[in-house]
Amino acid sequence: MIRHMDRRSFLKTLGIVGAASLAGISAIAFRDAGISQFTILHTNDTHSRLDPYPSNDPGFPGMGGYARRATFISQHRKNDPNLVLLDAGDVFQGTPYFNMYGGKPELKLMSKMDYDAVAFGNHEFDNGLDGFKEVFPYAGFPFLAANYDFSQTILAGKVKDYMVLARGERNIGVYGLGIDPAGLVSRNLYGDTKYLDPIEKAREMENLLRRKNCDLIICLSHLGFDYDDNKVSDTMVAGHTRYTDVIIGGHTHVRLDPPAMVKNQAGKQVCIGQAGYGGTYIGTMRVFFDRQNEKSFVDSYTTKI
């Protein structure tokens, strides 16, 4: 599990005093201290915003766009070939691109950016199961939703519960959770999809991934960060699990900078990240492993693009 440190404490473990950040520390310094690391980049709720916002937009003037995102990802991948790239859902719906092309350009562009996995958001239902099936072949990555049972639908076998990513000497387990479509999505659009309890599925998935010897377990969630009522959220999942290290979230359009830290059932910290709305920010989490193979989040933030 994560042994959370601040930068100052972590730098002391490296024998480096006075450094303002980790960015200027060489790979040799990490190696000599027995530290290995990789980076998670994460996005969510882009809502078909392929182009930047207009320069006169009152909220996000000139921000966002897939071209800027691709450049940002490419630069980071050059520095970290073990990079993990995730999206927490609602890729679809929000601009005429989706109305005209049904999600095809979004999936093609994200495939070119080499996304590793995407959560199945509620707006992925917006053209019905038929519409999703039609554009699904353009996704060069899996959609994840362990608590959606598609077995009695035309999407049977297409949406995965989880995946395991090999990154250097590390195995990274990622499982997906989706929000209850009832009340958000017309029944005729999600059809015979069965919504399963997300906390029960989270526990099932984290135990499965632990048995698969995953060094880090990530929940890729479209449940939403937190609610005032008893609606299941990322904070609730964090508090009711034992082995999930990270939750990458979406749906509630919040920007968590710094990320939220919630204690799980084992008393360990779970790191929760979410990067706003419309592709205007990208979240970055750098995970460092020490000689004892324990994880410490010491660098986590969002970047405006």
C-alpha atoms as a PDB file:
ATOM      1  CA  MET A   1       0.000   0.000   0.000  1.00  0.00           C
ATOM      2  CA  ILE A   2       0.964   3.666  -0.244  1.00  0.00           C
ATOM      3  CA  ARG A   3       3.244   5.018   2.443  1.00  0.00           C
ATOM      4  CA  HIS A   4       2.515   8.698   1.861  1.00  0.00           C
ATOM      5  CA  MET A   5       5.394  11.156   2.244  1.00  0.00           C
ATOM      6  CA  ASP A   6       5.819  14.800   1.517  1.00  0.00           C
ATOM      7  CA  ARG A   7       8.601  15.911  -0.824  1.00  0.00           C
ATOM      8  CA  ARG A   8      10.937  16.966   1.971  1.00  0.00           C
ATOM      9  CA  SER A   9      10.760  13.608   3.722  1.00  0.00           C
ATOM     10  CA  PHE A  10      11.218  11.725   0.484  1.00  0.00           C
ATOM     11  CA  LEU A  11      14.218  13.812  -0.556  1.00  0.00           C
ATOM     12  CA  LYS A  12      15.850  13.007   2.774  1.00  0.00           C
ATOM     13  CA  THR A  13      15.539   9.307   1.950  1.00  0.00           C
ATOM     14  CA  LEU A  14      17.551  10.081  -1.191  1.00  0.00           C
ATOM     15  CA  GLY A  15      20.167  11.950   0.818  1.00  0.00           C
ATOM     16  CA  ILE A  16      19.312  15.153  -1.065  1.00  0.00           C
ATOM     17  CA  VAL A  17      18.771  18.298   0.959  1.00  0.00           C
ATOM     18  CA  GLY A  18      17.480  21.627  -0.317  1.00  0.00           C
ATOM     19  CA  ALA A  19      16.054  20.521  -3.659  1.00  0.00           C
ATOM     20  CA  ALA A  20      12.905  22.440  -4.551  1.00  0.00           C
ATOM     21  CA  SER A  21      11.362  19.613  -6.566  1.00  0.00           C
ATOM     22  CA  LEU A  22      11.984  16.141  -7.954  1.00  0.00           C
ATOM     23  CA  ALA A  23      12.137  17.318 -11.547  1.00  0.00           C
ATOM     24  CA  GLY A  24      15.847  18.094 -11.549  1.00  0.00           C
ATOM     25  CA  ILE A  25      16.983  14.927  -9.783  1.00  0.00           C
ATOM     26  CA  SER A  26      18.799  12.522 -12.069  1.00  0.00           C
ATOM     27  CA  ALA A  27      17.833   8.932 -12.707  1.00  0.00           C
ATOM     28  CA  ILE A  28      21.247   7.993 -11.280  1.00  0.00           C
ATOM     29  CA  ALA A  29      20.338   9.542  -7.920  1.00  0.00           C
ATOM     30  CA  PHE A  30      17.136   7.500  -7.788  1.00  0.00           C
ATOM     31  CA  ARG A  31      18.969   4.335  -8.794  1.00  0.00           C
ATOM     32  CA  ASP A  32      21.722   4.829  -6.226  1.00  0.00           C
ATOM     33  CA  ALA A  33      19.070   5.268  -3.524  1.00  0.00           C
ATOM     34  CA  GLY A  34      17.305   2.085  -4.608  1.00  0.00           C
ATOM     35  CA  ILE A  35      14.273   4.005  -5.852  1.00  0.00           C
ATOM     36  CA  SER A  36      12.307   3.130  -8.999  1.00  0.00           C
ATOM     37  CA  GLN A  37       9.409   5.133 -10.342  1.00  0.00           C
ATOM     38  CA  PHE A  38       6.803   5.453 -13.047  1.00  0.00           C
ATOM     39  CA  THR A  39       4.239   8.052 -14.026  1.00  0.00           C
ATOM     40  CA  ILE A  40       0.453   7.910 -14.328  1.00  0.00           C
ATOM     41  CA  LEU A  41      -1.142  10.524 -16.585  1.00  0.00           C
ATOM     42  CA  HIS A  42      -4.918  10.783 -16.309  1.00  0.00           C
ATOM     43  CA  THR A  43      -7.824  12.613 -17.944  1.00  0.00           C
ATOM     44  CA  ASN A  44     -11.603  12.507 -17.529  1.00  0.00           C
ATOM     45  CA  ASP A  45     -14.877  13.983 -18.795  1.00  0.00           C
ATOM     46  CA  THR A  46     -13.509  15.372 -22.045  1.00  0.00           C
ATOM     47  CA  HIS A  47     -17.024  15.272 -23.536  1.00  0.00           C
ATOM     48  CA  SER A  48     -15.957  15.268 -27.208  1.00  0.00           C
ATOM     49  CA  ARG A  49     -13.961  18.500 -26.796  1.00  0.00           C
ATOM     50  CA  LEU A  50     -11.485  17.727 -29.583  1.00  0.00           C
ATOM     51  CA  ASP A  51     -10.639  21.395 -30.196  1.00  0.00           C
ATOM     52  CA  PRO A  52      -9.513  23.986 -27.649  1.00  0.00           C
ATOM     53  CA  TYR A  53     -12.123  26.212 -26.057  1.00  0.00           C
ATOM     54  CA  PRO A  54     -12.603  29.567 -27.839  1.00  0.00           C
ATOM     55  CA  SER A  55     -10.325  32.374 -26.702  1.00  0.00           C
ATOM     56  CA  ASN A  56     -13.343  34.279 -25.359  1.00  0.00           C
ATOM     57  CA  ASP A  57     -14.709  31.362 -23.312  1.00  0.00           C
ATOM     58  CA  PRO A  58     -15.481  32.664 -19.798  1.00  0.00           C
ATOM     59  CA  GLY A  59     -14.300  29.509 -18.047  1.00  0.00           C
ATOM     60  CA  PHE A  60     -11.475  27.978 -20.086  1.00  0.00           C
ATOM     61  CA  PRO A  61     -10.277  30.560 -22.650  1.00  0.00           C
ATOM     62  CA  GLY A  62      -8.110  28.862 -25.268  1.00  0.00           C
ATOM     63  CA  MET A  63      -7.569  25.784 -23.097  1.00  0.00           C
ATOM     64  CA  GLY A  64      -7.684  22.103 -23.943  1.00  0.00           C
ATOM     65  CA  GLY A  65      -7.844  20.273 -27.251  1.00  0.00           C
ATOM     66  CA  TYR A  66      -6.543  16.856 -28.265  1.00  0.00           C
ATOM     67  CA  ALA A  67      -3.523  18.286 -30.125  1.00  0.00           C
ATOM     68  CA  ARG A  68      -2.149  19.901 -26.952  1.00  0.00           C
ATOM     69  CA  ARG A  69      -2.921  16.765 -24.982  1.00  0.00           C
ATOM     70  CA  ALA A  70      -1.047  14.607 -27.488  1.00  0.00           C
ATOM     71  CA  THR A  71       1.997  16.883 -27.286  1.00  0.00           C
ATOM     72  CA  PHE A  72       1.966  16.819 -23.478  1.00  0.00           C
ATOM     73  CA  ILE A  73       1.718  13.020 -23.401  1.00  0.00           C
ATOM     74  CA  SER A  74       4.438  12.584 -26.013  1.00  0.00           C
ATOM     75  CA  GLN A  75       6.862  14.769 -24.061  1.00  0.00           C
ATOM     76  CA  HIS A  76       6.252  12.853 -20.850  1.00  0.00           C
ATOM     77  CA  ARG A  77       6.551   9.472 -22.553  1.00  0.00           C
ATOM     78  CA  LYS A  78      10.019  10.391 -23.824  1.00  0.00           C
ATOM     79  CA  ASN A  79      11.115  10.963 -20.218  1.00  0.00           C
ATOM     80  CA  ASP A  80       9.302   7.939 -18.820  1.00  0.00           C
ATOM     81  CA  PRO A  81       8.826   4.942 -21.130  1.00  0.00           C
ATOM     82  CA  ASN A  82       6.921   3.185 -18.311  1.00  0.00           C
ATOM     83  CA  LEU A  83       4.178   5.823 -18.339  1.00  0.00           C
ATOM     84  CA  VAL A  84       0.592   4.681 -17.716  1.00  0.00           C
ATOM     85  CA  LEU A  85      -2.146   6.660 -19.516  1.00  0.00           C
ATOM     86  CA  LEU A  86      -5.735   6.416 -18.237  1.00  0.00           C
ATOM     87  CA  ASP A  87      -9.083   8.144 -18.750  1.00  0.00           C
ATOM     88  CA  ALA A  88     -11.956   8.040 -16.244  1.00  0.00           C
ATOM     89  CA  GLY A  89     -14.819   8.155 -18.733  1.00  0.00           C
ATOM     90  CA  ASP A  90     -17.343  10.408 -20.461  1.00  0.00           C
ATOM     91  CA  VAL A  91     -15.240  10.532 -23.594  1.00  0.00           C
ATOM     92  CA  PHE A  92     -18.476  11.154 -25.536  1.00  0.00           C
ATOM     93  CA  GLN A  93     -21.108  13.895 -25.798  1.00  0.00           C
ATOM     94  CA  GLY A  94     -20.791  17.670 -25.643  1.00  0.00           C
ATOM     95  CA  THR A  95     -19.805  19.001 -29.073  1.00  0.00           C
ATOM     96  CA  PRO A  96     -21.044  18.539 -32.670  1.00  0.00           C
ATOM     97  CA  TYR A  97     -18.231  16.052 -33.261  1.00  0.00           C
ATOM     98  CA  PHE A  98     -20.163  13.483 -31.270  1.00  0.00           C
ATOM     99  CA  ASN A  99     -23.501  14.396 -32.858  1.00  0.00           C
ATOM    100  CA  MET A 100     -22.037  13.929 -36.335  1.00  0.00           C
ATOM    101  CA  TYR A 101     -19.624  11.023 -35.897  1.00  0.00           C
ATOM    102  CA  GLY A 102     -20.868   9.151 -32.818  1.00  0.00           C
ATOM    103  CA  GLY A 103     -17.494   9.002 -31.016  1.00  0.00           C
ATOM    104  CA  LYS A 104     -15.323   7.679 -33.832  1.00  0.00           C
ATOM    105  CA  PRO A 105     -12.815  10.593 -33.923  1.00  0.00           C
ATOM    106  CA  GLU A 106     -12.476  10.606 -30.130  1.00  0.00           C
ATOM    107  CA  LEU A 107     -11.551   6.916 -30.058  1.00  0.00           C
ATOM    108  CA  LYS A 108      -9.221   7.149 -33.032  1.00  0.00           C
ATOM    109  CA  LEU A 109      -7.308  10.068 -31.547  1.00  0.00           C
ATOM    110  CA  MET A 110      -7.065   8.510 -28.095  1.00  0.00           C
ATOM    111  CA  SER A 111      -5.781   5.314 -29.709  1.00  0.00           C
ATOM    112  CA  LYS A 112      -3.038   7.312 -31.410  1.00  0.00           C
ATOM    113  CA  MET A 113      -2.107   8.718 -28.003  1.00  0.00           C
ATOM    114  CA  ASP A 114      -1.761   5.111 -26.766  1.00  0.00           C
ATOM    115  CA  TYR A 115      -4.238   5.203 -23.908  1.00  0.00           C
ATOM    116  CA  ASP A 116      -3.956   2.078 -21.762  1.00  0.00           C
ATOM    117  CA  ALA A 117      -7.555   1.985 -20.496  1.00  0.00           C
ATOM    118  CA  VAL A 118     -10.735   4.075 -20.241  1.00  0.00           C
ATOM    119  CA  ALA A 119     -13.587   3.820 -17.739  1.00  0.00           C
ATOM    120  CA  PHE A 120     -17.081   3.350 -19.174  1.00  0.00           C
ATOM    121  CA  GLY A 121     -18.850   6.631 -18.358  1.00  0.00           C
ATOM    122  CA  ASN A 122     -22.607   7.237 -18.382  1.00  0.00           C
ATOM    123  CA  HIS A 123     -22.333   9.268 -21.605  1.00  0.00           C
ATOM    124  CA  GLU A 124     -20.813   6.268 -23.353  1.00  0.00           C
ATOM    125  CA  PHE A 125     -24.448   5.020 -23.398  1.00  0.00           C
ATOM    126  CA  ASP A 126     -25.737   8.123 -25.208  1.00  0.00           C
ATOM    127  CA  ASN A 127     -26.067   6.500 -28.644  1.00  0.00           C
ATOM    128  CA  GLY A 128     -27.333   3.297 -27.091  1.00  0.00           C
ATOM    129  CA  LEU A 129     -25.563  -0.047 -27.019  1.00  0.00           C
ATOM    130  CA  ASP A 130     -25.801  -0.226 -30.818  1.00  0.00           C
ATOM    131  CA  GLY A 131     -24.060   3.129 -31.194  1.00  0.00           C
ATOM    132  CA  PHE A 132     -21.244   2.157 -28.847  1.00  0.00           C
ATOM    133  CA  LYS A 133     -20.767  -1.191 -30.571  1.00  0.00           C
ATOM    134  CA  GLU A 134     -20.516   0.573 -33.941  1.00  0.00           C
ATOM    135  CA  VAL A 135     -17.577   2.781 -32.909  1.00  0.00           C
ATOM    136  CA  PHE A 136     -15.944   0.334 -30.489  1.00  0.00           C
ATOM    137  CA  PRO A 137     -13.557  -1.086 -33.147  1.00  0.00           C
ATOM    138  CA  TYR A 138     -11.835   2.306 -33.310  1.00  0.00           C
ATOM    139  CA  ALA A 139     -10.718   1.993 -29.678  1.00  0.00           C
ATOM    140  CA  GLY A 140      -7.177   0.650 -29.478  1.00  0.00           C
ATOM    141  CA  PHE A 141      -7.583   0.260 -25.723  1.00  0.00           C
ATOM    142  CA  PRO A 142     -10.039  -1.509 -23.398  1.00  0.00           C
ATOM    143  CA  PHE A 143     -13.056   0.067 -21.731  1.00  0.00           C
ATOM    144  CA  LEU A 144     -13.304  -1.067 -18.109  1.00  0.00           C
ATOM    145  CA  ALA A 145     -16.419  -1.459 -15.930  1.00  0.00           C
ATOM    146  CA  ALA A 146     -16.363  -4.364 -13.469  1.00  0.00           C
ATOM    147  CA  ASN A 147     -19.781  -3.491 -12.056  1.00  0.00           C
ATOM    148  CA  TYR A 148     -21.612  -3.418 -15.409  1.00  0.00           C
ATOM    149  CA  ASP A 149     -22.876  -6.836 -16.474  1.00  0.00           C
ATOM    150  CA  PHE A 150     -23.226  -6.699 -20.253  1.00  0.00           C
ATOM    151  CA  SER A 151     -23.633 -10.471 -20.627  1.00  0.00           C
ATOM    152  CA  GLN A 152     -27.248 -10.219 -21.853  1.00  0.00           C
ATOM    153  CA  THR A 153     -26.496  -7.416 -24.315  1.00  0.00           C
ATOM    154  CA  ILE A 154     -24.740  -6.936 -27.641  1.00  0.00           C
ATOM    155  CA  LEU A 155     -21.685  -5.673 -25.711  1.00  0.00           C
ATOM    156  CA  ALA A 156     -21.106  -9.062 -24.084  1.00  0.00           C
ATOM    157  CA  GLY A 157     -17.357  -9.729 -23.952  1.00  0.00           C
ATOM    158  CA  LYS A 158     -16.399  -6.280 -25.191  1.00  0.00           C
ATOM    159  CA  VAL A 159     -16.064  -4.312 -21.935  1.00  0.00           C
ATOM    160  CA  LYS A 160     -13.514  -5.716 -19.473  1.00  0.00           C
ATOM    161  CA  ASP A 161     -13.553  -5.845 -15.693  1.00  0.00           C
ATOM    162  CA  TYR A 162      -9.818  -5.236 -15.304  1.00  0.00           C
ATOM    163  CA  MET A 163      -6.410  -5.404 -16.951  1.00  0.00           C
ATOM    164  CA  VAL A 164      -2.814  -5.922 -15.845  1.00  0.00           C
ATOM    165  CA  LEU A 165      -0.125  -3.669 -17.306  1.00  0.00           C
ATOM    166  CA  ALA A 166       3.550  -4.661 -17.290  1.00  0.00           C
ATOM    167  CA  ARG A 167       5.781  -1.668 -16.640  1.00  0.00           C
ATOM    168  CA  GLY A 168       9.425  -2.609 -16.350  1.00  0.00           C
ATOM    169  CA  GLU A 169       9.666  -4.921 -13.349  1.00  0.00           C
ATOM    170  CA  ARG A 170       6.221  -3.844 -12.083  1.00  0.00           C
ATOM    171  CA  ASN A 171       2.732  -5.193 -12.689  1.00  0.00           C
ATOM    172  CA  ILE A 172       0.011  -2.546 -12.498  1.00  0.00           C
ATOM    173  CA  GLY A 173      -3.551  -3.767 -11.969  1.00  0.00           C
ATOM    174  CA  VAL A 174      -6.386  -1.534 -13.171  1.00  0.00           C
ATOM    175  CA  TYR A 175     -10.089  -2.202 -12.664  1.00  0.00           C
ATOM    176  CA  GLY A 176     -13.078  -0.079 -13.701  1.00  0.00           C
ATOM    177  CA  LEU A 177     -16.248   1.073 -11.951  1.00  0.00           C
ATOM    178  CA  GLY A 178     -19.237   2.840 -13.526  1.00  0.00           C
ATOM    179  CA  ILE A 179     -22.046   4.918 -12.037  1.00  0.00           C
ATOM    180  CA  ASP A 180     -25.631   3.651 -11.797  1.00  0.00           C
ATOM    181  CA  PRO A 181     -27.211   4.568 -15.168  1.00  0.00           C
ATOM    182  CA  ALA A 182     -30.751   4.574 -13.734  1.00  0.00           C
ATOM    183  CA  GLY A 183     -31.970   8.162 -13.610  1.00  0.00           C
ATOM    184  CA  LEU A 184     -29.005   9.396 -15.650  1.00  0.00           C
ATOM    185  CA  VAL A 185     -29.545   7.438 -18.859  1.00  0.00           C
ATOM    186  CA  SER A 186     -32.775   6.469 -20.602  1.00  0.00           C
ATOM    187  CA  ARG A 187     -33.497   2.797 -20.046  1.00  0.00           C
ATOM    188  CA  ASN A 188     -33.805   2.133 -23.751  1.00  0.00           C
ATOM    189  CA  LEU A 189     -30.165   3.247 -24.174  1.00  0.00           C
ATOM    190  CA  TYR A 190     -28.571   0.867 -21.668  1.00  0.00           C
ATOM    191  CA  GLY A 191     -31.119  -1.909 -22.187  1.00  0.00           C
ATOM    192  CA  ASP A 192     -30.383  -5.127 -20.299  1.00  0.00           C
ATOM    193  CA  THR A 193     -27.136  -3.866 -18.784  1.00  0.00           C
ATOM    194  CA  LYS A 194     -27.100  -4.852 -15.098  1.00  0.00           C
ATOM    195  CA  TYR A 195     -25.632  -2.455 -12.551  1.00  0.00           C
ATOM    196  CA  LEU A 196     -23.770  -4.313  -9.783  1.00  0.00           C
ATOM    197  CA  ASP A 197     -22.728  -3.015  -6.366  1.00  0.00           C
ATOM    198  CA  PRO A 198     -19.486  -1.076  -6.953  1.00  0.00           C
ATOM    199  CA  ILE A 199     -18.037  -1.649  -3.491  1.00  0.00           C
ATOM    200  CA  GLU A 200     -18.559  -5.402  -3.704  1.00  0.00           C
ATOM    201  CA  LYS A 201     -16.982  -5.449  -7.161  1.00  0.00           C
ATOM    202  CA  ALA A 202     -14.085  -3.249  -5.994  1.00  0.00           C
ATOM    203  CA  ARG A 203     -13.306  -5.728  -3.214  1.00  0.00           C
ATOM    204  CA  GLU A 204     -13.542  -8.630  -5.655  1.00  0.00           C
ATOM    205  CA  MET A 205     -11.254  -6.919  -8.160  1.00  0.00           C
ATOM    206  CA  GLU A 206      -8.591  -5.778  -5.697  1.00  0.00           C
ATOM    207  CA  ASN A 207      -8.354  -9.275  -4.234  1.00  0.00           C
ATOM    208  CA  LEU A 208      -8.100 -10.791  -7.708  1.00  0.00           C
ATOM    209  CA  LEU A 209      -5.360  -8.331  -8.730  1.00  0.00           C
ATOM    210  CA  ARG A 210      -3.490  -8.912  -5.485  1.00  0.00           C
ATOM    211  CA  ARG A 211      -3.471 -12.639  -6.269  1.00  0.00           C
ATOM    212  CA  LYS A 212      -2.003 -11.735  -9.647  1.00  0.00           C
ATOM    213  CA  ASN A 213       0.962 -10.147  -7.806  1.00  0.00           C
ATOM    214  CA  CYS A 214       0.236  -6.591  -8.879  1.00  0.00           C
ATOM    215  CA  ASP A 215       2.620  -4.047  -7.343  1.00  0.00           C
ATOM    216  CA  LEU A 216       0.040  -1.271  -7.613  1.00  0.00           C
ATOM    217  CA  ILE A 217      -3.761  -1.491  -7.858  1.00  0.00           C
ATOM    218  CA  ILE A 218      -5.688   1.343  -9.526  1.00  0.00           C
ATOM    219  CA  CYS A 219      -9.440   1.837  -9.586  1.00  0.00           C
ATOM    220  CA  LEU A 220     -10.484   3.689 -12.748  1.00  0.00           C
ATOM    221  CA  SER A 221     -13.803   5.152 -11.664  1.00  0.00           C
ATOM    222  CA  HIS A 222     -16.724   7.070 -13.106  1.00  0.00           C
ATOM    223  CA  LEU A 223     -18.661   7.070  -9.839  1.00  0.00           C
ATOM    224  CA  GLY A 224     -17.927  10.675  -8.836  1.00  0.00           C
ATOM    225  CA  PHE A 225     -15.636  12.026  -6.128  1.00  0.00           C
ATOM    226  CA  ASP A 226     -17.941  12.564  -3.133  1.00  0.00           C
ATOM    227  CA  TYR A 227     -21.603  13.252  -2.321  1.00  0.00           C
ATOM    228  CA  ASP A 228     -23.600  14.635   0.595  1.00  0.00           C
ATOM    229  CA  ASP A 229     -25.881  11.588   0.688  1.00  0.00           C
ATOM    230  CA  ASN A 230     -25.145   7.855   0.701  1.00  0.00           C
ATOM    231  CA  LYS A 231     -24.559   7.628  -3.042  1.00  0.00           C
ATOM    232  CA  VAL A 232     -21.511   5.484  -3.772  1.00  0.00           C
ATOM    233  CA  SER A 233     -18.484   7.650  -4.563  1.00  0.00           C
ATOM    234  CA  ASP A 234     -14.714   7.404  -4.894  1.00  0.00           C
ATOM    235  CA  THR A 235     -14.231   8.388  -1.263  1.00  0.00           C
ATOM    236  CA  MET A 236     -16.663   5.648  -0.223  1.00  0.00           C
ATOM    237  CA  VAL A 237     -14.863   3.024  -2.312  1.00  0.00           C
ATOM    238  CA  ALA A 238     -11.533   4.126  -0.817  1.00  0.00           C
ATOM    239  CA  GLY A 239     -12.896   3.775   2.698  1.00  0.00           C
ATOM    240  CA  HIS A 240     -14.393   0.329   2.106  1.00  0.00           C
ATOM    241  CA  THR A 241     -11.457  -1.411   0.405  1.00  0.00           C
ATOM    242  CA  ARG A 242      -8.068  -2.713   1.609  1.00  0.00           C
ATOM    243  CA  TYR A 243      -5.706  -3.114  -1.347  1.00  0.00           C
ATOM    244  CA  THR A 244      -6.649  -0.399  -3.834  1.00  0.00           C
ATOM    245  CA  ASP A 245      -3.774   2.116  -3.885  1.00  0.00           C
ATOM    246  CA  VAL A 246      -5.129   4.745  -6.272  1.00  0.00           C
ATOM    247  CA  ILE A 247      -8.493   5.904  -7.559  1.00  0.00           C
ATOM    248  CA  ILE A 248      -8.521   7.869 -10.817  1.00  0.00           C
ATOM    249  CA  GLY A 249     -11.971   9.450 -10.941  1.00  0.00           C
ATOM    250  CA  GLY A 250     -14.427  11.309 -13.110  1.00  0.00           C
ATOM    251  CA  HIS A 251     -18.096  12.317 -13.451  1.00  0.00           C
ATOM    252  CA  THR A 252     -18.169  15.136 -10.858  1.00  0.00           C
ATOM    253  CA  HIS A 253     -15.842  17.404 -12.886  1.00  0.00           C
ATOM    254  CA  VAL A 254     -13.681  18.406  -9.922  1.00  0.00           C
ATOM    255  CA  ARG A 255      -9.973  19.179 -10.114  1.00  0.00           C
ATOM    256  CA  LEU A 256      -8.143  17.607  -7.196  1.00  0.00           C
ATOM    257  CA  ASP A 257      -4.842  19.399  -6.770  1.00  0.00           C
ATOM    258  CA  PRO A 258      -3.412  18.133  -4.500  1.00  0.00           C
ATOM    259  CA  PRO A 259      -5.171  14.773  -4.697  1.00  0.00           C
ATOM    260  CA  ALA A 260      -7.475  13.638  -1.911  1.00  0.00           C
ATOM    261  CA  MET A 261      -6.103  11.127   0.582  1.00  0.00           C
ATOM    262  CA  VAL A 262      -8.614   8.777   2.254  1.00  0.00           C
ATOM    263  CA  LYS A 263      -7.820   6.021   4.740  1.00  0.00           C
ATOM    264  CA  ASN A 264      -8.929   2.543   3.741  1.00  0.00           C
ATOM    265  CA  GLN A 265     -10.027  -0.375   5.916  1.00  0.00           C
ATOM    266  CA  ALA A 266      -6.405  -1.240   6.643  1.00  0.00           C
ATOM    267  CA  GLY A 267      -5.644   2.302   7.813  1.00  0.00           C
ATOM    268  CA  LYS A 268      -3.560   3.030   4.703  1.00  0.00           C
ATOM    269  CA  GLN A 269      -3.919   6.088   2.493  1.00  0.00           C
ATOM    270  CA  VAL A 270      -5.671   5.829  -0.867  1.00  0.00           C
ATOM    271  CA  CYS A 271      -4.768   8.581  -3.339  1.00  0.00           C
ATOM    272  CA  ILE A 272      -7.743   9.949  -5.338  1.00  0.00           C
ATOM    273  CA  GLY A 273      -7.190  12.102  -8.427  1.00  0.00           C
ATOM    274  CA  GLN A 274      -9.525  13.861 -10.862  1.00  0.00           C
ATOM    275  CA  ALA A 275      -8.621  16.418 -13.516  1.00  0.00           C
ATOM    276  CA  GLY A 276     -11.621  18.687 -13.992  1.00  0.00           C
ATOM    277  CA  TYR A 277     -13.653  18.873 -17.183  1.00  0.00           C
ATOM    278  CA  GLY A 278     -13.348  19.239 -20.939  1.00  0.00           C
ATOM    279  CA  GLY A 279      -9.725  18.187 -21.281  1.00  0.00           C
ATOM    280  CA  THR A 280      -8.478  21.468 -19.850  1.00  0.00           C
ATOM    281  CA  TYR A 281      -6.173  19.765 -17.327  1.00  0.00           C
ATOM    282  CA  ILE A 282      -4.139  16.577 -17.211  1.00  0.00           C
ATOM    283  CA  GLY A 283      -3.414  14.850 -13.929  1.00  0.00           C
ATOM    284  CA  THR A 284       0.051  13.512 -13.158  1.00  0.00           C
ATOM    285  CA  MET A 285       0.950  11.033 -10.435  1.00  0.00           C
ATOM    286  CA  ARG A 286       4.521   9.830  -9.967  1.00  0.00           C
ATOM    287  CA  VAL A 287       4.819   6.617  -7.983  1.00  0.00           C
ATOM    288  CA  PHE A 288       8.112   5.793  -6.283  1.00  0.00           C
ATOM    289  CA  PHE A 289       9.063   2.328  -5.020  1.00  0.00           C
ATOM    290  CA  ASP A 290      11.748   1.943  -2.374  1.00  0.00           C
ATOM    291  CA  ARG A 291      14.028  -1.018  -1.661  1.00  0.00           C
ATOM    292  CA  GLN A 292      11.320  -2.655   0.439  1.00  0.00           C
ATOM    293  CA  ASN A 293       8.940  -2.459  -2.557  1.00  0.00           C
ATOM    294  CA  GLU A 294       6.681  -0.030  -0.711  1.00  0.00           C
ATOM    295  CA  LYS A 295       4.975   2.765  -2.607  1.00  0.00           C
ATOM    296  CA  SER A 296       5.127   6.458  -1.738  1.00  0.00           C
ATOM    297  CA  PHE A 297       3.208   9.159  -3.585  1.00  0.00           C
ATOM    298  CA  VAL A 298       5.385  12.223  -3.446  1.00  0.00           C
ATOM    299  CA  ASP A 299       4.485  14.053  -6.653  1.00  0.00           C
ATOM    300  CA  SER A 300       0.882  14.470  -7.775  1.00  0.00           C
ATOM    301  CA  TYR A 301      -0.673  17.473  -9.486  1.00  0.00           C
ATOM    302  CA  THR A 302      -2.727  18.718 -12.439  1.00  0.00           C
ATOM    303  CA  THR A 303      -1.407  20.739 -15.376  1.00  0.00           C
ATOM    304  CA  LYS A 304      -3.368  23.242 -17.446  1.00  0.00           C
ATOM    305  CA  ILE A 305      -3.147  22.621 -21.168  1.00  0.00           C
END
